[in-house]
Amino acid sequence: MFSNPLKAAVIAGVAFGAPAAPAAADSLGSGLIGGIIGGVIVNEATKNKRKRVYRSNAYSAQRQANRETQTALNYFSFPAGTPDGVIGSRTRAAVRQYQAYMGFPVTGELTSYQRDLLVSSHNRAQAGGPQVVKAMNSSKGVRGLLKTWQGEAGGTRSASYGGMPPEVSDAVDEIAASSDPSPEQLLQRSGFVQLADLNGDGKTDYVLDTSVTGSSFWCGASNCSVMVFASTPDGYKRNDFLTYEAKPAMFNCHQGVCRMNESVPKMASDTPDDAAPDAASEPQTQMASTGGGGESSGGISALPMASGSAKTEASLASRCSKVSLLTNSNGGFVTQANMTDPEMAMSEQFCLSRSYAISTGEDMVRNVQGLTQAQVDQQCDSFGPAMAPYVAKLGQSSAEVRGQVQKFVLDADMTVEQLQGTAKVCLFSGYRRDKMDVALGSAMLLVGVGQKPYAELVGHHLSQGFGVETNLERAREWYSFAVNALEGGAEPVIAPGQPERVGLLKAATLALGDTAQNDGMPKPEAASLPSFSVD
């Protein structure tokens, strides 16, 4: 009886397939080369012992260097196979991928500079730090560090976005550093960058609206930071404001100084004299910002919508902003080796999983034909009511709930591929908009269609109380189900380039609940705290 809303959600034909990963190996070449060299060493042993030792040492040093290269390639997600020191077809294929990514000539053979950049970047990444943490949460992953550090070595800016002025590009980096989306993802979000001639000098001015980040770092209860960049003979001058759903028509600029036309609180020191904008002087906008959730998307059939009660729930986006700050201050993610607080470790992994789901979903949404992002979000809202009966049963054993969700899948009268693709898109939609009923329902459906590693997400929701009542006992069951699947060879769905996550999840699951913290961060003693409104 709950399948009809979900059927409506995929009427638009949202179906995606997962490409199979290649499985080449260098074992044959390794065996032949090893056998030939072994034979030569044995034959030469009775002739020239000194020569044999010299050749063995040289070969050993080269092989160690090859291992370093293979390890670095694997770390940056250029799969070179097992680091055995033997350069075969798979390693050369990984080298070609690395060269293509960096814009080097694609030859399959590394130059000294290319290898030095690769290996030194790997060593630097192993040392950790805030820059590495930010990269791990970005859409490019750690491989983005290669271009960043290459740019630093050359004394050039590591990124320039769409021909925008340096002042604007720097602000994009600043916003991304304190929110989940990467700079590239932010630039793809409708309404983030808006263009207009605000001061009448014939040059393009820029408005950056941070409300699209979903980050509490940039947004308060009713307003978000807005950065207006006005052109001057000496470059672009930045003006900071606080408002909601910013549009270029809200601002008037004289040379590099801007003010708001509406009586909305702002961060700039000067207060606007006018309260209403002049419609006749409204600047020509090249990129309109999209409206909020109250908009109707005519032509889409009515679907059950999630209730507005979610506004009173804890915000995962806000939580992840705080976790990110703690992670940066701690010098990097908690690892299995240094873990003392399993709750903090799971908080970091939850936020990493959320970021990865958003990144993956954004790529998939671009392939949805005939629907805008707002319409996709509206379709995905049906996941909340459709999966609510199963979310309500999460207090039961993991096995019982999984069985009931699998029955739901069988009764849905849709292909597994359709359900899987739609659930991944709606997982992104739920996390991006901080709608926990949509995100949790999507994660449960993914487990139901056979994507067992997604059980980790259900465990995170249960252990940290987002979208469901906190239940550590049941959380352990879902975590264990995901870990067992990964240890059994299931393909990772979160950060596949970090195999060490499995050991961390397993250790943290066993230790979960042993510390006094329940949310991964130190709790203050019970006391009445003051509350101030700073808007």
Protein backbone atom coordinates (compact mmCIF):
# COMPACT_ATOMS: atom_id res chain seq x y z
CA MET A 1 0.00 0.00 0.00
CA PHE A 2 3.02 2.27 0.32
CA SER A 3 4.48 1.65 -3.14
CA ASN A 4 2.27 4.08 -5.11
CA PRO A 5 4.02 7.31 -4.03
CA LEU A 6 7.38 5.76 -4.83
CA LYS A 7 6.14 4.63 -8.26
CA ALA A 8 5.18 8.21 -8.99
CA ALA A 9 8.66 9.33 -7.99
CA VAL A 10 10.25 7.38 -10.85
CA ILE A 11 7.66 8.07 -13.55
CA ALA A 12 10.17 10.52 -15.02
CA GLY A 13 12.37 7.54 -15.84
CA VAL A 14 15.21 8.07 -13.41
CA ALA A 15 17.23 4.92 -13.95
CA PHE A 16 20.95 4.58 -13.62
CA GLY A 17 23.36 1.70 -13.98
CA ALA A 18 26.59 1.15 -12.06
CA PRO A 19 29.58 0.44 -14.32
CA ALA A 20 31.59 -2.60 -13.42
CA ALA A 21 35.12 -1.97 -12.23
CA PRO A 22 37.96 -3.39 -14.37
CA ALA A 23 39.92 -6.24 -12.86
CA ALA A 24 43.22 -6.49 -14.70
CA ALA A 25 46.35 -7.78 -12.95
CA ASP A 26 50.11 -7.88 -13.42
CA SER A 27 50.59 -11.31 -11.85
CA LEU A 28 51.59 -13.10 -15.09
CA GLY A 29 54.22 -10.52 -15.98
CA SER A 30 55.41 -10.50 -12.39
CA GLY A 31 55.85 -14.27 -12.38
CA LEU A 32 57.72 -14.40 -15.71
CA ILE A 33 60.05 -11.54 -14.85
CA GLY A 34 60.70 -12.93 -11.39
CA GLY A 35 61.45 -16.38 -12.81
CA ILE A 36 63.87 -15.11 -15.45
CA ILE A 37 65.79 -12.94 -13.01
CA GLY A 38 65.84 -15.74 -10.45
CA GLY A 39 67.37 -18.08 -13.04
CA VAL A 40 70.04 -15.56 -13.97
CA ILE A 41 71.02 -15.10 -10.33
CA VAL A 42 71.37 -18.84 -9.77
CA ASN A 43 73.45 -19.34 -12.92
CA GLU A 44 75.75 -16.46 -12.10
CA ALA A 45 76.29 -17.54 -8.49
CA THR A 46 79.21 -19.84 -9.34
CA LYS A 47 80.78 -17.41 -11.80
CA ASN A 48 80.87 -13.98 -10.28
CA LYS A 49 79.48 -13.54 -6.81
CA ARG A 50 80.35 -9.83 -6.66
CA LYS A 51 78.49 -9.14 -9.88
CA ARG A 52 75.44 -11.03 -8.64
CA VAL A 53 75.27 -8.95 -5.47
CA TYR A 54 75.59 -5.71 -7.41
CA ARG A 55 72.77 -6.59 -9.79
CA SER A 56 70.54 -7.76 -6.95
CA ASN A 57 70.99 -4.49 -5.04
CA ALA A 58 70.28 -2.37 -8.11
CA TYR A 59 67.22 -4.42 -8.92
CA SER A 60 66.00 -4.24 -5.33
CA ALA A 61 66.34 -0.44 -5.23
CA GLN A 62 64.44 -0.04 -8.49
CA ARG A 63 61.71 -2.35 -7.31
CA GLN A 64 61.32 -0.36 -4.09
CA ALA A 65 61.01 2.83 -6.14
CA ASN A 66 58.37 1.15 -8.27
CA ARG A 67 56.46 0.17 -5.13
CA GLU A 68 56.46 3.80 -3.99
CA THR A 69 55.09 4.85 -7.37
CA GLN A 70 52.36 2.19 -7.31
CA THR A 71 51.39 3.06 -3.73
CA ALA A 72 51.10 6.75 -4.61
CA LEU A 73 49.04 5.98 -7.73
CA ASN A 74 46.64 3.85 -5.70
CA TYR A 75 46.31 6.53 -3.01
CA PHE A 76 45.23 9.14 -5.55
CA SER A 77 42.69 6.70 -7.08
CA PHE A 78 44.69 5.73 -10.14
CA PRO A 79 44.43 1.93 -9.68
CA ALA A 80 47.83 0.31 -10.18
CA GLY A 81 47.05 -2.98 -8.45
CA THR A 82 49.09 -4.55 -5.65
CA PRO A 83 52.30 -2.56 -5.00
CA ASP A 84 54.69 -5.38 -5.93
CA GLY A 85 57.37 -3.26 -7.59
CA VAL A 86 56.74 -4.77 -11.03
CA ILE A 87 55.65 -2.33 -13.73
CA GLY A 88 53.08 -4.13 -15.85
CA SER A 89 50.10 -3.20 -17.99
CA ARG A 90 47.92 -2.19 -15.05
CA THR A 91 50.55 0.12 -13.60
CA ARG A 92 51.16 1.72 -17.00
CA ALA A 93 47.40 2.23 -17.38
CA ALA A 94 47.34 3.97 -13.99
CA VAL A 95 50.25 6.18 -15.06
CA ARG A 96 48.35 7.17 -18.19
CA GLN A 97 45.31 8.09 -16.08
CA TYR A 98 47.51 10.20 -13.82
CA GLN A 99 49.14 11.92 -16.79
CA ALA A 100 45.78 12.65 -18.42
CA TYR A 101 44.39 14.07 -15.17
CA MET A 102 47.37 16.37 -14.70
CA GLY A 103 47.49 17.45 -18.35
CA PHE A 104 50.85 15.78 -18.99
CA PRO A 105 51.65 13.99 -22.27
CA VAL A 106 50.01 10.55 -21.98
CA THR A 107 52.84 8.07 -22.56
CA GLY A 108 52.51 5.50 -19.78
CA GLU A 109 56.08 6.30 -18.69
CA LEU A 110 56.75 8.77 -15.88
CA THR A 111 59.31 11.52 -16.23
CA SER A 112 61.40 12.40 -13.18
CA TYR A 113 59.29 15.51 -12.54
CA GLN A 114 56.01 13.61 -12.86
CA ARG A 115 57.17 10.90 -10.46
CA ASP A 116 58.60 13.37 -7.96
CA LEU A 117 55.33 15.32 -7.90
CA LEU A 118 53.32 12.11 -7.44
CA VAL A 119 55.44 10.57 -4.69
CA SER A 120 56.11 13.81 -2.79
CA SER A 121 52.39 14.65 -2.86
CA HIS A 122 51.62 11.21 -1.45
CA ASN A 123 54.14 11.69 1.37
CA ARG A 124 52.72 15.13 2.10
CA ALA A 125 49.15 13.82 2.13
CA GLN A 126 50.14 11.09 4.60
CA ALA A 127 51.16 13.81 7.04
CA GLY A 128 47.54 15.01 7.10
CA GLY A 129 46.36 18.49 7.99
CA PRO A 130 43.37 20.73 7.20
CA GLN A 131 44.14 20.88 3.47
CA VAL A 132 44.00 17.09 3.24
CA VAL A 133 40.77 16.93 5.27
CA LYS A 134 39.10 19.43 2.96
CA ALA A 135 40.24 17.50 -0.12
CA MET A 136 38.85 14.22 1.24
CA ASN A 137 35.44 15.87 1.56
CA SER A 138 35.50 17.36 -1.95
CA SER A 139 34.08 15.87 -5.13
CA LYS A 140 37.57 15.28 -6.55
CA GLY A 141 38.81 13.54 -3.44
CA VAL A 142 42.47 13.52 -2.51
CA ARG A 143 43.61 13.56 -6.13
CA GLY A 144 42.67 17.25 -6.19
CA LEU A 145 45.71 17.83 -3.96
CA LEU A 146 47.97 16.97 -6.90
CA LYS A 147 46.89 20.06 -8.84
CA THR A 148 46.79 22.21 -5.73
CA TRP A 149 50.36 21.37 -4.76
CA GLN A 150 51.56 21.54 -8.35
CA GLY A 151 50.20 25.09 -8.49
CA GLU A 152 51.88 25.98 -5.19
CA ALA A 153 55.21 24.68 -6.45
CA GLY A 154 54.88 26.79 -9.59
CA GLY A 155 53.89 29.90 -7.65
CA THR A 156 50.51 30.11 -9.40
CA ARG A 157 46.94 30.09 -8.18
CA SER A 158 45.71 26.50 -7.88
CA ALA A 159 42.27 27.20 -9.34
CA SER A 160 40.45 29.81 -11.40
CA TYR A 161 36.74 29.40 -11.81
CA GLY A 162 35.01 30.16 -15.08
CA GLY A 163 37.09 33.22 -15.90
CA MET A 164 35.91 35.02 -12.76
CA PRO A 165 38.14 37.69 -11.18
CA PRO A 166 40.65 36.50 -8.56
CA GLU A 167 38.76 38.29 -5.79
CA VAL A 168 35.59 36.33 -6.60
CA SER A 169 37.43 33.02 -7.04
CA ASP A 170 39.10 33.50 -3.65
CA ALA A 171 35.68 34.06 -2.07
CA VAL A 172 34.38 30.84 -3.65
CA ASP A 173 37.28 28.98 -2.03
CA GLU A 174 36.58 30.71 1.29
CA ILE A 175 32.92 29.66 1.23
CA ALA A 176 33.74 26.08 0.24
CA ALA A 177 36.32 25.81 3.03
CA SER A 178 33.59 26.28 5.65
CA SER A 179 30.84 24.19 4.05
CA ASP A 180 30.41 20.71 2.61
CA PRO A 181 30.23 21.39 -1.15
CA SER A 182 33.45 21.75 -3.11
CA PRO A 183 34.05 24.96 -5.11
CA GLU A 184 33.13 23.14 -8.32
CA GLN A 185 29.88 21.86 -6.82
CA LEU A 186 28.96 25.30 -5.51
CA LEU A 187 29.42 26.85 -8.94
CA GLN A 188 27.00 24.32 -10.40
CA ARG A 189 24.24 25.22 -7.92
CA SER A 190 21.61 27.53 -9.32
CA GLY A 191 21.65 30.95 -7.69
CA PHE A 192 25.08 30.75 -6.08
CA VAL A 193 26.72 33.11 -8.59
CA GLN A 194 24.53 35.84 -10.09
CA LEU A 195 25.76 38.35 -12.64
CA ALA A 196 24.64 41.94 -13.23
CA ASP A 197 26.00 45.43 -13.87
CA LEU A 198 25.26 46.94 -10.48
CA ASN A 199 27.20 50.22 -10.76
CA GLY A 200 26.49 51.10 -14.40
CA ASP A 201 30.10 51.02 -15.58
CA GLY A 202 29.43 48.44 -18.27
CA LYS A 203 31.35 45.67 -16.47
CA THR A 204 30.00 42.50 -14.91
CA ASP A 205 29.52 42.53 -11.15
CA TYR A 206 29.04 39.40 -9.03
CA VAL A 207 26.67 38.35 -6.26
CA LEU A 208 27.53 35.21 -4.23
CA ASP A 209 24.60 33.81 -2.23
CA THR A 210 25.76 31.40 0.49
CA SER A 211 22.23 30.15 1.21
CA VAL A 212 22.77 27.38 -1.36
CA THR A 213 25.52 25.84 0.80
CA GLY A 214 23.13 24.61 3.47
CA SER A 215 25.81 25.50 6.03
CA SER A 216 25.10 27.05 9.42
CA PHE A 217 28.55 28.64 9.22
CA TRP A 218 27.20 31.11 6.63
CA CYS A 219 23.52 31.19 7.60
CA GLY A 220 21.64 32.20 10.73
CA ALA A 221 18.04 31.50 11.63
CA SER A 222 16.60 33.76 8.91
CA ASN A 223 19.48 35.24 6.90
CA CYS A 224 22.60 34.12 5.06
CA SER A 225 25.80 35.90 4.11
CA VAL A 226 25.79 37.49 0.67
CA MET A 227 28.95 38.83 -0.97
CA VAL A 228 28.62 41.51 -3.65
CA PHE A 229 31.68 42.25 -5.81
CA ALA A 230 31.55 45.57 -7.65
CA SER A 231 34.05 46.49 -10.35
CA THR A 232 36.48 49.37 -9.86
CA PRO A 233 39.49 50.59 -11.89
CA ASP A 234 41.72 48.70 -9.42
CA GLY A 235 39.83 45.39 -9.47
CA TYR A 236 36.77 44.22 -7.57
CA LYS A 237 35.70 45.44 -4.14
CA ARG A 238 33.80 43.10 -1.83
CA ASN A 239 30.70 44.17 0.11
CA ASP A 240 29.19 41.83 2.74
CA PHE A 241 25.49 41.66 3.62
CA LEU A 242 23.02 39.46 5.49
CA THR A 243 19.77 38.64 3.69
CA TYR A 244 17.74 35.74 2.31
CA GLU A 245 17.23 34.69 -1.33
CA ALA A 246 19.51 37.42 -2.64
CA LYS A 247 18.92 38.90 -6.09
CA PRO A 248 20.93 41.59 -7.90
CA ALA A 249 17.87 43.87 -7.85
CA MET A 250 18.31 44.17 -4.08
CA PHE A 251 21.59 46.07 -4.44
CA ASN A 252 22.72 49.46 -5.76
CA CYS A 253 26.41 50.20 -6.20
CA HIS A 254 28.38 53.37 -6.82
CA GLN A 255 31.80 52.37 -8.09
CA GLY A 256 32.95 49.82 -5.49
CA VAL A 257 30.55 50.76 -2.67
CA CYS A 258 27.22 48.90 -2.53
CA ARG A 259 24.10 49.18 -0.41
CA MET A 260 20.84 47.26 -0.11
CA ASN A 261 17.58 48.64 -1.45
CA GLU A 262 15.54 46.77 1.17
CA SER A 263 15.60 47.18 4.95
CA VAL A 264 17.29 43.86 5.62
CA PRO A 265 20.05 43.47 8.27
CA LYS A 266 23.49 43.41 6.74
CA MET A 267 27.12 43.15 7.75
CA ALA A 268 28.37 46.32 6.08
CA SER A 269 28.83 49.32 8.35
CA ASP A 270 26.79 51.81 6.31
CA THR A 271 22.99 51.69 6.63
CA PRO A 272 20.83 52.13 3.51
CA ASP A 273 18.67 55.23 3.33
CA ASP A 274 16.13 53.79 0.91
CA ALA A 275 13.72 51.00 1.69
CA ALA A 276 12.25 50.20 -1.72
CA PRO A 277 14.03 49.47 -5.01
CA ASP A 278 13.24 51.40 -8.16
CA ALA A 279 11.72 48.91 -10.59
CA ALA A 280 12.76 51.03 -13.56
CA SER A 281 16.42 50.85 -12.61
CA GLU A 282 16.47 47.10 -11.93
CA PRO A 283 19.73 45.69 -13.35
CA GLN A 284 19.64 43.04 -16.04
CA THR A 285 20.17 39.67 -14.37
CA GLN A 286 21.90 36.93 -16.35
CA MET A 287 21.41 34.16 -13.80
CA ALA A 288 18.34 34.19 -11.62
CA SER A 289 18.36 32.60 -8.18
CA THR A 290 15.86 29.83 -7.59
CA GLY A 291 13.12 30.31 -5.03
CA GLY A 292 12.60 28.39 -1.84
CA GLY A 293 10.55 25.32 -1.12
CA GLY A 294 7.16 27.02 -1.37
CA GLU A 295 7.30 27.15 -5.17
CA SER A 296 4.90 25.11 -7.24
CA SER A 297 6.21 23.08 -10.16
CA GLY A 298 3.15 23.09 -12.38
CA GLY A 299 2.67 20.05 -14.57
CA ILE A 300 3.95 17.59 -11.96
CA SER A 301 1.25 15.41 -10.49
CA ALA A 302 0.48 15.89 -6.82
CA LEU A 303 2.45 13.66 -4.47
CA PRO A 304 2.34 13.18 -0.70
CA MET A 305 4.73 15.75 0.75
CA ALA A 306 6.73 15.50 3.94
CA SER A 307 5.32 17.54 6.79
CA GLY A 308 6.92 20.76 7.95
CA SER A 309 7.76 19.27 11.33
CA ALA A 310 11.28 18.53 10.10
CA LYS A 311 12.13 22.17 10.84
CA THR A 312 12.16 21.37 14.53
CA GLU A 313 14.56 18.45 14.11
CA ALA A 314 18.31 18.69 14.58
CA SER A 315 20.18 19.82 11.48
CA LEU A 316 22.73 17.37 10.13
CA ALA A 317 24.23 20.10 7.93
CA SER A 318 24.84 22.23 11.02
CA ARG A 319 26.23 19.27 12.90
CA CYS A 320 28.65 18.44 10.09
CA SER A 321 29.91 22.03 9.98
CA LYS A 322 30.87 21.71 13.65
CA VAL A 323 32.40 18.28 13.14
CA SER A 324 34.46 19.65 10.25
CA LEU A 325 35.85 22.41 12.47
CA LEU A 326 36.80 19.86 15.14
CA THR A 327 38.40 17.59 12.56
CA ASN A 328 40.48 20.47 11.23
CA SER A 329 41.55 21.53 14.72
CA ASN A 330 42.54 17.93 15.50
CA GLY A 331 44.77 17.79 12.43
CA GLY A 332 42.74 15.25 10.49
CA PHE A 333 40.24 12.42 10.70
CA VAL A 334 40.22 9.94 13.57
CA THR A 335 41.93 6.71 12.48
CA GLN A 336 41.74 3.21 13.88
CA ALA A 337 45.24 3.64 15.32
CA ASN A 338 44.54 6.87 17.24
CA MET A 339 40.84 6.42 18.06
CA THR A 340 39.94 7.25 21.66
CA ASP A 341 36.40 8.48 21.07
CA PRO A 342 34.31 6.17 18.84
CA GLU A 343 31.41 8.64 18.79
CA MET A 344 33.63 11.33 17.26
CA ALA A 345 34.96 8.80 14.76
CA MET A 346 31.42 7.87 13.71
CA SER A 347 30.41 11.54 13.50
CA GLU A 348 33.25 12.16 11.08
CA GLN A 349 32.34 9.11 9.02
CA PHE A 350 28.67 10.12 8.94
CA CYS A 351 29.56 13.56 7.61
CA LEU A 352 32.02 12.06 5.13
CA SER A 353 29.27 9.70 3.94
CA ARG A 354 26.85 12.60 3.61
CA SER A 355 29.35 14.60 1.54
CA TYR A 356 30.06 11.60 -0.68
CA ALA A 357 26.34 10.96 -1.23
CA ILE A 358 25.79 14.61 -2.18
CA SER A 359 28.75 14.57 -4.57
CA THR A 360 27.62 11.33 -6.24
CA GLY A 361 24.00 12.46 -6.47
CA GLU A 362 24.85 15.78 -8.09
CA ASP A 363 26.54 13.95 -10.94
CA MET A 364 23.50 11.70 -11.38
CA VAL A 365 20.96 14.54 -11.32
CA ARG A 366 22.63 16.09 -14.35
CA ASN A 367 21.54 13.02 -16.31
CA VAL A 368 17.89 13.26 -15.28
CA GLN A 369 15.98 14.21 -18.42
CA GLY A 370 13.10 16.69 -18.38
CA LEU A 371 13.17 17.63 -14.69
CA THR A 372 14.65 20.59 -12.87
CA GLN A 373 16.38 20.22 -9.51
CA ALA A 374 13.28 21.61 -7.78
CA GLN A 375 11.09 19.04 -9.51
CA VAL A 376 13.47 16.22 -8.60
CA ASP A 377 13.33 17.38 -4.98
CA GLN A 378 9.54 17.40 -5.08
CA GLN A 379 9.45 13.87 -6.48
CA CYS A 380 11.91 12.71 -3.83
CA ASP A 381 9.74 14.09 -1.04
CA SER A 382 7.52 11.03 -1.52
CA PHE A 383 10.26 8.88 0.03
CA GLY A 384 9.43 10.26 3.46
CA PRO A 385 5.80 9.06 3.62
CA ALA A 386 6.50 5.91 1.59
CA MET A 387 9.26 4.68 3.88
CA ALA A 388 7.86 6.08 7.15
CA PRO A 389 6.32 2.72 8.23
CA TYR A 390 9.73 1.05 7.94
CA VAL A 391 11.59 3.89 9.66
CA ALA A 392 9.12 3.49 12.53
CA LYS A 393 10.19 -0.15 12.86
CA LEU A 394 13.91 0.57 13.23
CA GLY A 395 13.56 -0.30 16.91
CA GLN A 396 13.20 -3.91 15.76
CA SER A 397 16.18 -6.06 14.79
CA SER A 398 18.06 -5.13 11.65
CA ALA A 399 17.24 -8.49 10.05
CA GLU A 400 13.50 -8.03 10.59
CA VAL A 401 13.45 -4.53 9.12
CA ARG A 402 15.59 -5.53 6.14
CA GLY A 403 13.21 -8.36 5.37
CA GLN A 404 10.22 -6.02 5.42
CA VAL A 405 11.97 -3.50 3.16
CA GLN A 406 12.87 -6.29 0.73
CA LYS A 407 9.19 -7.25 0.57
CA PHE A 408 8.39 -3.61 -0.16
CA VAL A 409 10.89 -3.74 -3.05
CA LEU A 410 9.28 -6.88 -4.46
CA ASP A 411 5.81 -5.31 -4.29
CA ALA A 412 6.92 -2.01 -5.86
CA ASP A 413 6.41 -3.36 -9.42
CA MET A 414 9.57 -1.61 -10.66
CA THR A 415 12.97 -2.88 -11.67
CA VAL A 416 15.76 -3.00 -9.13
CA GLU A 417 17.79 -0.68 -11.38
CA GLN A 418 15.03 1.95 -11.31
CA LEU A 419 14.68 1.76 -7.55
CA GLN A 420 18.44 1.84 -7.01
CA GLY A 421 19.05 4.84 -9.26
CA THR A 422 16.13 6.80 -7.87
CA ALA A 423 17.13 6.06 -4.27
CA LYS A 424 20.66 7.37 -4.92
CA VAL A 425 19.30 10.59 -6.41
CA CYS A 426 16.90 11.04 -3.50
CA LEU A 427 19.65 10.27 -0.97
CA PHE A 428 21.47 13.28 -2.42
CA SER A 429 18.28 15.36 -2.39
CA GLY A 430 17.56 14.50 1.24
CA TYR A 431 21.04 15.26 2.55
CA ARG A 432 21.41 18.41 0.45
CA ARG A 433 18.16 19.86 1.84
CA ASP A 434 18.66 18.44 5.35
CA LYS A 435 15.47 16.33 5.04
CA MET A 436 16.25 13.32 7.16
CA ASP A 437 13.08 11.40 6.32
CA VAL A 438 14.00 11.44 2.62
CA ALA A 439 17.66 10.59 3.24
CA LEU A 440 17.01 7.79 5.74
CA GLY A 441 14.22 6.30 3.62
CA SER A 442 16.49 6.32 0.57
CA ALA A 443 19.32 4.63 2.47
CA MET A 444 16.98 1.90 3.71
CA LEU A 445 15.65 1.30 0.20
CA LEU A 446 19.21 0.97 -1.14
CA VAL A 447 19.87 -1.74 1.44
CA GLY A 448 16.62 -3.39 0.40
CA VAL A 449 17.68 -3.59 -3.27
CA GLY A 450 20.92 -5.34 -2.29
CA GLN A 451 23.33 -2.44 -1.76
CA LYS A 452 24.41 -3.76 1.64
CA PRO A 453 27.17 -1.22 2.44
CA TYR A 454 24.50 1.51 2.63
CA ALA A 455 23.49 -0.07 5.95
CA GLU A 456 26.29 2.06 7.39
CA LEU A 457 24.15 5.16 6.81
CA VAL A 458 21.20 3.62 8.66
CA GLY A 459 23.58 2.87 11.53
CA HIS A 460 24.74 6.50 11.58
CA HIS A 461 21.16 7.78 11.75
CA LEU A 462 20.38 5.40 14.61
CA SER A 463 23.55 6.07 16.59
CA GLN A 464 23.30 9.85 16.29
CA GLY A 465 19.54 10.38 16.28
CA PHE A 466 18.93 12.08 12.95
CA GLY A 467 15.49 11.27 11.54
CA VAL A 468 14.95 8.49 14.08
CA GLU A 469 15.18 7.89 17.83
CA THR A 470 18.73 7.14 19.01
CA ASN A 471 19.25 3.40 19.49
CA LEU A 472 22.86 2.26 19.89
CA GLU A 473 21.99 -1.43 20.06
CA ARG A 474 20.21 -1.37 16.69
CA ALA A 475 22.86 0.93 15.26
CA ARG A 476 25.52 -1.70 15.99
CA GLU A 477 23.47 -4.28 14.05
CA TRP A 478 23.30 -2.08 10.95
CA TYR A 479 26.97 -1.13 11.22
CA SER A 480 27.96 -4.80 11.57
CA PHE A 481 25.84 -5.76 8.57
CA ALA A 482 27.66 -3.15 6.45
CA VAL A 483 31.11 -4.11 7.76
CA ASN A 484 30.49 -7.82 7.16
CA ALA A 485 29.42 -7.06 3.59
CA LEU A 486 32.57 -5.01 2.94
CA GLU A 487 34.82 -7.65 4.48
CA GLY A 488 33.04 -10.21 2.30
CA GLY A 489 34.04 -8.36 -0.87
CA ALA A 490 31.11 -6.00 -1.45
CA GLU A 491 32.04 -2.90 -3.42
CA PRO A 492 32.39 0.17 -1.13
CA VAL A 493 29.79 2.86 -1.78
CA ILE A 494 31.38 5.52 0.44
CA ALA A 495 34.93 6.74 -0.25
CA PRO A 496 36.03 3.59 -2.14
CA GLY A 497 39.60 4.92 -2.22
CA GLN A 498 39.88 4.55 1.57
CA PRO A 499 39.89 0.82 2.36
CA GLU A 500 41.09 1.57 5.89
CA ARG A 501 37.58 2.82 6.70
CA VAL A 502 36.39 -0.76 7.15
CA GLY A 503 38.73 -1.38 10.08
CA LEU A 504 37.82 1.95 11.64
CA LEU A 505 34.08 1.27 11.35
CA LYS A 506 34.51 -2.17 12.87
CA ALA A 507 36.56 -0.92 15.81
CA ALA A 508 34.26 2.05 16.45
CA THR A 509 31.18 -0.20 16.30
CA LEU A 510 32.60 -2.48 18.99
CA ALA A 511 33.48 0.50 21.21
CA LEU A 512 30.29 2.47 20.56
CA GLY A 513 28.61 3.59 23.78
CA ASP A 514 31.69 2.99 25.94
CA THR A 515 32.34 6.73 26.33
CA ALA A 516 30.27 9.38 28.00
CA GLN A 517 29.66 11.31 24.79
CA ASN A 518 26.63 10.54 22.70
CA ASP A 519 27.16 12.95 19.86
CA GLY A 520 30.87 12.76 19.11
CA MET A 521 31.65 16.05 20.84
CA PRO A 522 32.25 17.05 24.46
CA LYS A 523 29.01 17.80 26.30
CA PRO A 524 28.82 20.66 28.81
CA GLU A 525 27.52 20.09 32.28
CA ALA A 526 23.78 20.54 32.64
CA ALA A 527 23.22 24.27 33.04
CA SER A 528 21.06 27.08 31.79
CA LEU A 529 22.77 28.86 28.90
CA PRO A 530 22.03 32.39 27.66
CA SER A 531 20.57 32.84 24.19
CA PHE A 532 21.25 35.89 22.02
CA SER A 533 19.77 36.93 18.68
CA VAL A 534 22.47 38.48 16.50
CA ASP A 535 20.48 38.94 13.31
